[in-house]
Amino acid sequence: MNISLPAELKAFVEAQVATGQFANVSDYMRDVIRERQQAVERLRALIEEGEASGDSPYTIDEIIARAREQFESPAA
């Protein structure tokens, strides 16, 4: 299989390989694909968990306010 990348992406991939973390471009691309698959699986699991949990007792405004509070408060 061959893929074509714009020059900017090709340079980025080559730079990742040059760090020594990957043996070659194919190794890097396999890693990227595996990571994406894992992310999709995690998202699907979270969606299923959310759907199974039922309706929230909170309004959307309350949910947003709580999220902002968590984001803005310093980690303990």
PDB file of N, CA and C in Angstrom:
ATOM      1  N   MET A   1       0.847  -1.171   0.000  1.00  0.00           N
ATOM      2  CA  MET A   1       0.000   0.000   0.000  1.00  0.00           C
ATOM      3  C   MET A   1       0.890   1.231   0.000  1.00  0.00           C
ATOM      4  N   ASN A   2       0.539   2.177  -0.808  1.00  0.00           N
ATOM      5  CA  ASN A   2       1.261   3.447  -0.855  1.00  0.00           C
ATOM      6  C   ASN A   2       0.297   4.571  -0.523  1.00  0.00           C
ATOM      7  N   ILE A   3       0.804   5.576   0.151  1.00  0.00           N
ATOM      8  CA  ILE A   3       0.002   6.763   0.420  1.00  0.00           C
ATOM      9  C   ILE A   3       0.796   7.985   0.006  1.00  0.00           C
ATOM     10  N   SER A   4       0.067   9.012  -0.369  1.00  0.00           N
ATOM     11  CA  SER A   4       0.700  10.277  -0.732  1.00  0.00           C
ATOM     12  C   SER A   4       0.367  11.308   0.335  1.00  0.00           C
ATOM     13  N   LEU A   5       1.359  12.069   0.723  1.00  0.00           N
ATOM     14  CA  LEU A   5       1.168  13.113   1.719  1.00  0.00           C
ATOM     15  C   LEU A   5       1.670  14.433   1.163  1.00  0.00           C
ATOM     16  N   PRO A   6       1.022  15.520   1.539  1.00  0.00           N
ATOM     17  CA  PRO A   6       1.573  16.829   1.174  1.00  0.00           C
ATOM     18  C   PRO A   6       2.952  16.998   1.830  1.00  0.00           C
ATOM     19  N   ALA A   7       3.750  17.849   1.277  1.00  0.00           N
ATOM     20  CA  ALA A   7       5.131  18.029   1.747  1.00  0.00           C
ATOM     21  C   ALA A   7       5.202  18.310   3.246  1.00  0.00           C
ATOM     22  N   GLU A   8       4.290  19.119   3.755  1.00  0.00           N
ATOM     23  CA  GLU A   8       4.313  19.474   5.174  1.00  0.00           C
ATOM     24  C   GLU A   8       4.085  18.243   6.058  1.00  0.00           C
ATOM     25  N   LEU A   9       3.112  17.401   5.696  1.00  0.00           N
ATOM     26  CA  LEU A   9       2.865  16.186   6.473  1.00  0.00           C
ATOM     27  C   LEU A   9       3.994  15.179   6.314  1.00  0.00           C
ATOM     28  N   LYS A  10       4.533  15.082   5.119  1.00  0.00           N
ATOM     29  CA  LYS A  10       5.651  14.168   4.892  1.00  0.00           C
ATOM     30  C   LYS A  10       6.837  14.557   5.775  1.00  0.00           C
ATOM     31  N   ALA A  11       7.117  15.840   5.841  1.00  0.00           N
ATOM     32  CA  ALA A  11       8.217  16.314   6.687  1.00  0.00           C
ATOM     33  C   ALA A  11       7.937  16.016   8.158  1.00  0.00           C
ATOM     34  N   PHE A  12       6.684  16.176   8.569  1.00  0.00           N
ATOM     35  CA  PHE A  12       6.319  15.885   9.956  1.00  0.00           C
ATOM     36  C   PHE A  12       6.544  14.413  10.272  1.00  0.00           C
ATOM     37  N   VAL A  13       6.067  13.526   9.402  1.00  0.00           N
ATOM     38  CA  VAL A  13       6.225  12.086   9.615  1.00  0.00           C
ATOM     39  C   VAL A  13       7.707  11.722   9.650  1.00  0.00           C
ATOM     40  N   GLU A  14       8.466  12.250   8.737  1.00  0.00           N
ATOM     41  CA  GLU A  14       9.901  11.963   8.708  1.00  0.00           C
ATOM     42  C   GLU A  14      10.587  12.461   9.981  1.00  0.00           C
ATOM     43  N   ALA A  15      10.134  13.592  10.500  1.00  0.00           N
ATOM     44  CA  ALA A  15      10.705  14.120  11.746  1.00  0.00           C
ATOM     45  C   ALA A  15      10.382  13.199  12.917  1.00  0.00           C
ATOM     46  N   GLN A  16       9.184  12.603  12.915  1.00  0.00           N
ATOM     47  CA  GLN A  16       8.819  11.671  13.976  1.00  0.00           C
ATOM     48  C   GLN A  16       9.713  10.441  13.928  1.00  0.00           C
ATOM     49  N   VAL A  17       9.982   9.954  12.738  1.00  0.00           N
ATOM     50  CA  VAL A  17      10.859   8.788  12.579  1.00  0.00           C
ATOM     51  C   VAL A  17      12.279   9.158  13.006  1.00  0.00           C
ATOM     52  N   ALA A  18      12.706  10.361  12.692  1.00  0.00           N
ATOM     53  CA  ALA A  18      14.066  10.799  13.014  1.00  0.00           C
ATOM     54  C   ALA A  18      14.324  10.879  14.521  1.00  0.00           C
ATOM     55  N   THR A  19      13.261  10.943  15.324  1.00  0.00           N
ATOM     56  CA  THR A  19      13.454  10.987  16.777  1.00  0.00           C
ATOM     57  C   THR A  19      14.009   9.665  17.307  1.00  0.00           C
ATOM     58  N   GLY A  20      13.891   8.607  16.484  1.00  0.00           N
ATOM     59  CA  GLY A  20      14.373   7.303  16.907  1.00  0.00           C
ATOM     60  C   GLY A  20      13.312   6.463  17.592  1.00  0.00           C
ATOM     61  N   GLN A  21      12.141   7.041  17.814  1.00  0.00           N
ATOM     62  CA  GLN A  21      11.060   6.299  18.472  1.00  0.00           C
ATOM     63  C   GLN A  21      10.448   5.260  17.522  1.00  0.00           C
ATOM     64  N   PHE A  22      10.587   5.491  16.214  1.00  0.00           N
ATOM     65  CA  PHE A  22      10.017   4.600  15.207  1.00  0.00           C
ATOM     66  C   PHE A  22      11.122   4.140  14.276  1.00  0.00           C
ATOM     67  N   ALA A  23      11.033   2.883  13.858  1.00  0.00           N
ATOM     68  CA  ALA A  23      12.067   2.320  12.994  1.00  0.00           C
ATOM     69  C   ALA A  23      12.017   2.906  11.589  1.00  0.00           C
ATOM     70  N   ASN A  24      10.804   3.211  11.135  1.00  0.00           N
ATOM     71  CA  ASN A  24      10.637   3.745   9.787  1.00  0.00           C
ATOM     72  C   ASN A  24       9.240   4.354   9.666  1.00  0.00           C
ATOM     73  N   VAL A  25       8.929   4.868   8.490  1.00  0.00           N
ATOM     74  CA  VAL A  25       7.637   5.525   8.271  1.00  0.00           C
ATOM     75  C   VAL A  25       6.489   4.538   8.465  1.00  0.00           C
ATOM     76  N   SER A  26       6.641   3.313   7.997  1.00  0.00           N
ATOM     77  CA  SER A  26       5.583   2.314   8.165  1.00  0.00           C
ATOM     78  C   SER A  26       5.297   2.062   9.637  1.00  0.00           C
ATOM     79  N   ASP A  27       6.340   1.987  10.439  1.00  0.00           N
ATOM     80  CA  ASP A  27       6.182   1.781  11.876  1.00  0.00           C
ATOM     81  C   ASP A  27       5.396   2.935  12.489  1.00  0.00           C
ATOM     82  N   TYR A  28       5.734   4.148  12.096  1.00  0.00           N
ATOM     83  CA  TYR A  28       5.016   5.331  12.601  1.00  0.00           C
ATOM     84  C   TYR A  28       3.546   5.288  12.198  1.00  0.00           C
ATOM     85  N   MET A  29       3.270   4.988  10.932  1.00  0.00           N
ATOM     86  CA  MET A  29       1.889   4.972  10.447  1.00  0.00           C
ATOM     87  C   MET A  29       1.081   3.878  11.150  1.00  0.00           C
ATOM     88  N   ARG A  30       1.670   2.719  11.402  1.00  0.00           N
ATOM     89  CA  ARG A  30       0.969   1.663  12.139  1.00  0.00           C
ATOM     90  C   ARG A  30       0.606   2.140  13.541  1.00  0.00           C
ATOM     91  N   ASP A  31       1.537   2.853  14.171  1.00  0.00           N
ATOM     92  CA  ASP A  31       1.281   3.376  15.509  1.00  0.00           C
ATOM     93  C   ASP A  31       0.140   4.393  15.487  1.00  0.00           C
ATOM     94  N   VAL A  32       0.144   5.282  14.507  1.00  0.00           N
ATOM     95  CA  VAL A  32      -0.915   6.287  14.389  1.00  0.00           C
ATOM     96  C   VAL A  32      -2.271   5.606  14.195  1.00  0.00           C
ATOM     97  N   ILE A  33      -2.316   4.602  13.356  1.00  0.00           N
ATOM     98  CA  ILE A  33      -3.575   3.891  13.089  1.00  0.00           C
ATOM     99  C   ILE A  33      -4.052   3.162  14.341  1.00  0.00           C
ATOM    100  N   ARG A  34      -3.142   2.502  15.051  1.00  0.00           N
ATOM    101  CA  ARG A  34      -3.515   1.810  16.293  1.00  0.00           C
ATOM    102  C   ARG A  34      -4.069   2.785  17.318  1.00  0.00           C
ATOM    103  N   GLU A  35      -3.409   3.932  17.478  1.00  0.00           N
ATOM    104  CA  GLU A  35      -3.872   4.934  18.440  1.00  0.00           C
ATOM    105  C   GLU A  35      -5.257   5.449  18.071  1.00  0.00           C
ATOM    106  N   ARG A  36      -5.507   5.654  16.789  1.00  0.00           N
ATOM    107  CA  ARG A  36      -6.827   6.120  16.350  1.00  0.00           C
ATOM    108  C   ARG A  36      -7.881   5.059  16.620  1.00  0.00           C
ATOM    109  N   GLN A  37      -7.570   3.811  16.343  1.00  0.00           N
ATOM    110  CA  GLN A  37      -8.519   2.726  16.619  1.00  0.00           C
ATOM    111  C   GLN A  37      -8.863   2.681  18.106  1.00  0.00           C
ATOM    112  N   GLN A  38      -7.853   2.812  18.950  1.00  0.00           N
ATOM    113  CA  GLN A  38      -8.088   2.789  20.395  1.00  0.00           C
ATOM    114  C   GLN A  38      -8.944   3.976  20.823  1.00  0.00           C
ATOM    115  N   ALA A  39      -8.695   5.151  20.253  1.00  0.00           N
ATOM    116  CA  ALA A  39      -9.482   6.333  20.596  1.00  0.00           C
ATOM    117  C   ALA A  39     -10.937   6.150  20.188  1.00  0.00           C
ATOM    118  N   VAL A  40     -11.166   5.603  19.006  1.00  0.00           N
ATOM    119  CA  VAL A  40     -12.535   5.358  18.540  1.00  0.00           C
ATOM    120  C   VAL A  40     -13.223   4.356  19.464  1.00  0.00           C
ATOM    121  N   GLU A  41     -12.523   3.306  19.851  1.00  0.00           N
ATOM    122  CA  GLU A  41     -13.107   2.319  20.761  1.00  0.00           C
ATOM    123  C   GLU A  41     -13.457   2.938  22.113  1.00  0.00           C
ATOM    124  N   ARG A  42     -12.577   3.807  22.638  1.00  0.00           N
ATOM    125  CA  ARG A  42     -12.858   4.479  23.903  1.00  0.00           C
ATOM    126  C   ARG A  42     -14.085   5.378  23.784  1.00  0.00           C
ATOM    127  N   LEU A  43     -14.177   6.120  22.677  1.00  0.00           N
ATOM    128  CA  LEU A  43     -15.333   6.994  22.473  1.00  0.00           C
ATOM    129  C   LEU A  43     -16.622   6.192  22.370  1.00  0.00           C
ATOM    130  N   ARG A  44     -16.588   5.091  21.645  1.00  0.00           N
ATOM    131  CA  ARG A  44     -17.784   4.240  21.524  1.00  0.00           C
ATOM    132  C   ARG A  44     -18.206   3.706  22.891  1.00  0.00           C
ATOM    133  N   ALA A  45     -17.237   3.281  23.699  1.00  0.00           N
ATOM    134  CA  ALA A  45     -17.548   2.770  25.031  1.00  0.00           C
ATOM    135  C   ALA A  45     -18.164   3.865  25.902  1.00  0.00           C
ATOM    136  N   LEU A  46     -17.621   5.082  25.805  1.00  0.00           N
ATOM    137  CA  LEU A  46     -18.177   6.191  26.585  1.00  0.00           C
ATOM    138  C   LEU A  46     -19.583   6.552  26.129  1.00  0.00           C
ATOM    139  N   ILE A  47     -19.821   6.495  24.833  1.00  0.00           N
ATOM    140  CA  ILE A  47     -21.166   6.763  24.311  1.00  0.00           C
ATOM    141  C   ILE A  47     -22.141   5.716  24.824  1.00  0.00           C
ATOM    142  N   GLU A  48     -21.748   4.453  24.755  1.00  0.00           N
ATOM    143  CA  GLU A  48     -22.611   3.377  25.257  1.00  0.00           C
ATOM    144  C   GLU A  48     -22.890   3.550  26.751  1.00  0.00           C
ATOM    145  N   GLU A  49     -21.851   3.924  27.503  1.00  0.00           N
ATOM    146  CA  GLU A  49     -22.009   4.143  28.941  1.00  0.00           C
ATOM    147  C   GLU A  49     -22.993   5.281  29.189  1.00  0.00           C
ATOM    148  N   GLY A  50     -22.859   6.351  28.431  1.00  0.00           N
ATOM    149  CA  GLY A  50     -23.763   7.490  28.577  1.00  0.00           C
ATOM    150  C   GLY A  50     -25.195   7.133  28.237  1.00  0.00           C
ATOM    151  N   GLU A  51     -25.368   6.383  27.164  1.00  0.00           N
ATOM    152  CA  GLU A  51     -26.717   5.982  26.763  1.00  0.00           C
ATOM    153  C   GLU A  51     -27.348   5.069  27.807  1.00  0.00           C
ATOM    154  N   ALA A  52     -26.537   4.201  28.396  1.00  0.00           N
ATOM    155  CA  ALA A  52     -27.049   3.265  29.396  1.00  0.00           C
ATOM    156  C   ALA A  52     -27.371   3.946  30.723  1.00  0.00           C
ATOM    157  N   SER A  53     -26.785   5.107  30.969  1.00  0.00           N
ATOM    158  CA  SER A  53     -26.980   5.769  32.262  1.00  0.00           C
ATOM    159  C   SER A  53     -28.331   6.470  32.368  1.00  0.00           C
ATOM    160  N   GLY A  54     -29.019   6.621  31.255  1.00  0.00           N
ATOM    161  CA  GLY A  54     -30.333   7.270  31.302  1.00  0.00           C
ATOM    162  C   GLY A  54     -30.237   8.781  31.253  1.00  0.00           C
ATOM    163  N   ASP A  55     -31.376   9.414  31.463  1.00  0.00           N
ATOM    164  CA  ASP A  55     -31.439  10.875  31.407  1.00  0.00           C
ATOM    165  C   ASP A  55     -30.818  11.504  32.641  1.00  0.00           C
ATOM    166  N   SER A  56     -30.189  12.630  32.445  1.00  0.00           N
ATOM    167  CA  SER A  56     -29.576  13.365  33.543  1.00  0.00           C
ATOM    168  C   SER A  56     -30.644  14.178  34.272  1.00  0.00           C
ATOM    169  N   PRO A  57     -30.507  14.291  35.590  1.00  0.00           N
ATOM    170  CA  PRO A  57     -31.441  15.145  36.321  1.00  0.00           C
ATOM    171  C   PRO A  57     -31.091  16.629  36.191  1.00  0.00           C
ATOM    172  N   TYR A  58     -29.973  16.923  35.534  1.00  0.00           N
ATOM    173  CA  TYR A  58     -29.500  18.297  35.419  1.00  0.00           C
ATOM    174  C   TYR A  58     -29.886  18.905  34.074  1.00  0.00           C
ATOM    175  N   THR A  59     -30.060  20.218  34.066  1.00  0.00           N
ATOM    176  CA  THR A  59     -30.309  20.921  32.809  1.00  0.00           C
ATOM    177  C   THR A  59     -28.984  21.094  32.086  1.00  0.00           C
ATOM    178  N   ILE A  60     -29.060  21.421  30.821  1.00  0.00           N
ATOM    179  CA  ILE A  60     -27.832  21.638  30.046  1.00  0.00           C
ATOM    180  C   ILE A  60     -27.026  22.795  30.637  1.00  0.00           C
ATOM    181  N   ASP A  61     -27.698  23.831  31.121  1.00  0.00           N
ATOM    182  CA  ASP A  61     -26.994  24.963  31.732  1.00  0.00           C
ATOM    183  C   ASP A  61     -26.245  24.533  32.996  1.00  0.00           C
ATOM    184  N   GLU A  62     -26.860  23.650  33.780  1.00  0.00           N
ATOM    185  CA  GLU A  62     -26.196  23.154  34.989  1.00  0.00           C
ATOM    186  C   GLU A  62     -24.988  22.295  34.633  1.00  0.00           C
ATOM    187  N   ILE A  63     -25.127  21.493  33.617  1.00  0.00           N
ATOM    188  CA  ILE A  63     -24.014  20.646  33.178  1.00  0.00           C
ATOM    189  C   ILE A  63     -22.850  21.501  32.704  1.00  0.00           C
ATOM    190  N   ILE A  64     -23.137  22.535  31.913  1.00  0.00           N
ATOM    191  CA  ILE A  64     -22.092  23.436  31.412  1.00  0.00           C
ATOM    192  C   ILE A  64     -21.424  24.163  32.571  1.00  0.00           C
ATOM    193  N   ALA A  65     -22.222  24.632  33.523  1.00  0.00           N
ATOM    194  CA  ALA A  65     -21.667  25.344  34.684  1.00  0.00           C
ATOM    195  C   ALA A  65     -20.737  24.436  35.476  1.00  0.00           C
ATOM    196  N   ARG A  66     -21.138  23.189  35.690  1.00  0.00           N
ATOM    197  CA  ARG A  66     -20.281  22.239  36.413  1.00  0.00           C
ATOM    198  C   ARG A  66     -18.987  21.975  35.660  1.00  0.00           C
ATOM    199  N   ALA A  67     -19.085  21.824  34.351  1.00  0.00           N
ATOM    200  CA  ALA A  67     -17.888  21.578  33.538  1.00  0.00           C
ATOM    201  C   ALA A  67     -16.938  22.762  33.624  1.00  0.00           C
ATOM    202  N   ARG A  68     -17.481  23.961  33.566  1.00  0.00           N
ATOM    203  CA  ARG A  68     -16.633  25.163  33.672  1.00  0.00           C
ATOM    204  C   ARG A  68     -15.944  25.223  35.029  1.00  0.00           C
ATOM    205  N   GLU A  69     -16.697  24.903  36.082  1.00  0.00           N
ATOM    206  CA  GLU A  69     -16.113  24.912  37.426  1.00  0.00           C
ATOM    207  C   GLU A  69     -14.952  23.923  37.521  1.00  0.00           C
ATOM    208  N   GLN A  70     -15.147  22.736  36.971  1.00  0.00           N
ATOM    209  CA  GLN A  70     -14.090  21.722  37.011  1.00  0.00           C
ATOM    210  C   GLN A  70     -12.882  22.156  36.197  1.00  0.00           C
ATOM    211  N   PHE A  71     -13.146  22.780  35.048  1.00  0.00           N
ATOM    212  CA  PHE A  71     -12.053  23.205  34.180  1.00  0.00           C
ATOM    213  C   PHE A  71     -11.264  24.355  34.797  1.00  0.00           C
ATOM    214  N   GLU A  72     -11.975  25.270  35.444  1.00  0.00           N
ATOM    215  CA  GLU A  72     -11.330  26.471  35.965  1.00  0.00           C
ATOM    216  C   GLU A  72     -10.692  26.265  37.344  1.00  0.00           C
ATOM    217  N   SER A  73     -11.147  25.277  38.091  1.00  0.00           N
ATOM    218  CA  SER A  73     -10.582  25.076  39.427  1.00  0.00           C
ATOM    219  C   SER A  73      -9.239  24.355  39.307  1.00  0.00           C
ATOM    220  N   PRO A  74      -8.262  24.795  40.095  1.00  0.00           N
ATOM    221  CA  PRO A  74      -6.937  24.152  40.041  1.00  0.00           C
ATOM    222  C   PRO A  74      -7.018  22.714  40.544  1.00  0.00           C
ATOM    223  N   ALA A  75      -6.215  21.868  39.938  1.00  0.00           N
ATOM    224  CA  ALA A  75      -6.179  20.456  40.360  1.00  0.00           C
ATOM    225  C   ALA A  75      -5.601  20.344  41.747  1.00  0.00           C
ATOM    226  N   ALA A  76      -6.158  19.467  42.512  1.00  0.00           N
ATOM    227  CA  ALA A  76      -5.688  19.309  43.899  1.00  0.00           C
ATOM    228  C   ALA A  76      -4.491  18.391  43.963  1.00  0.00           C
TER     229      ALA A  76
END
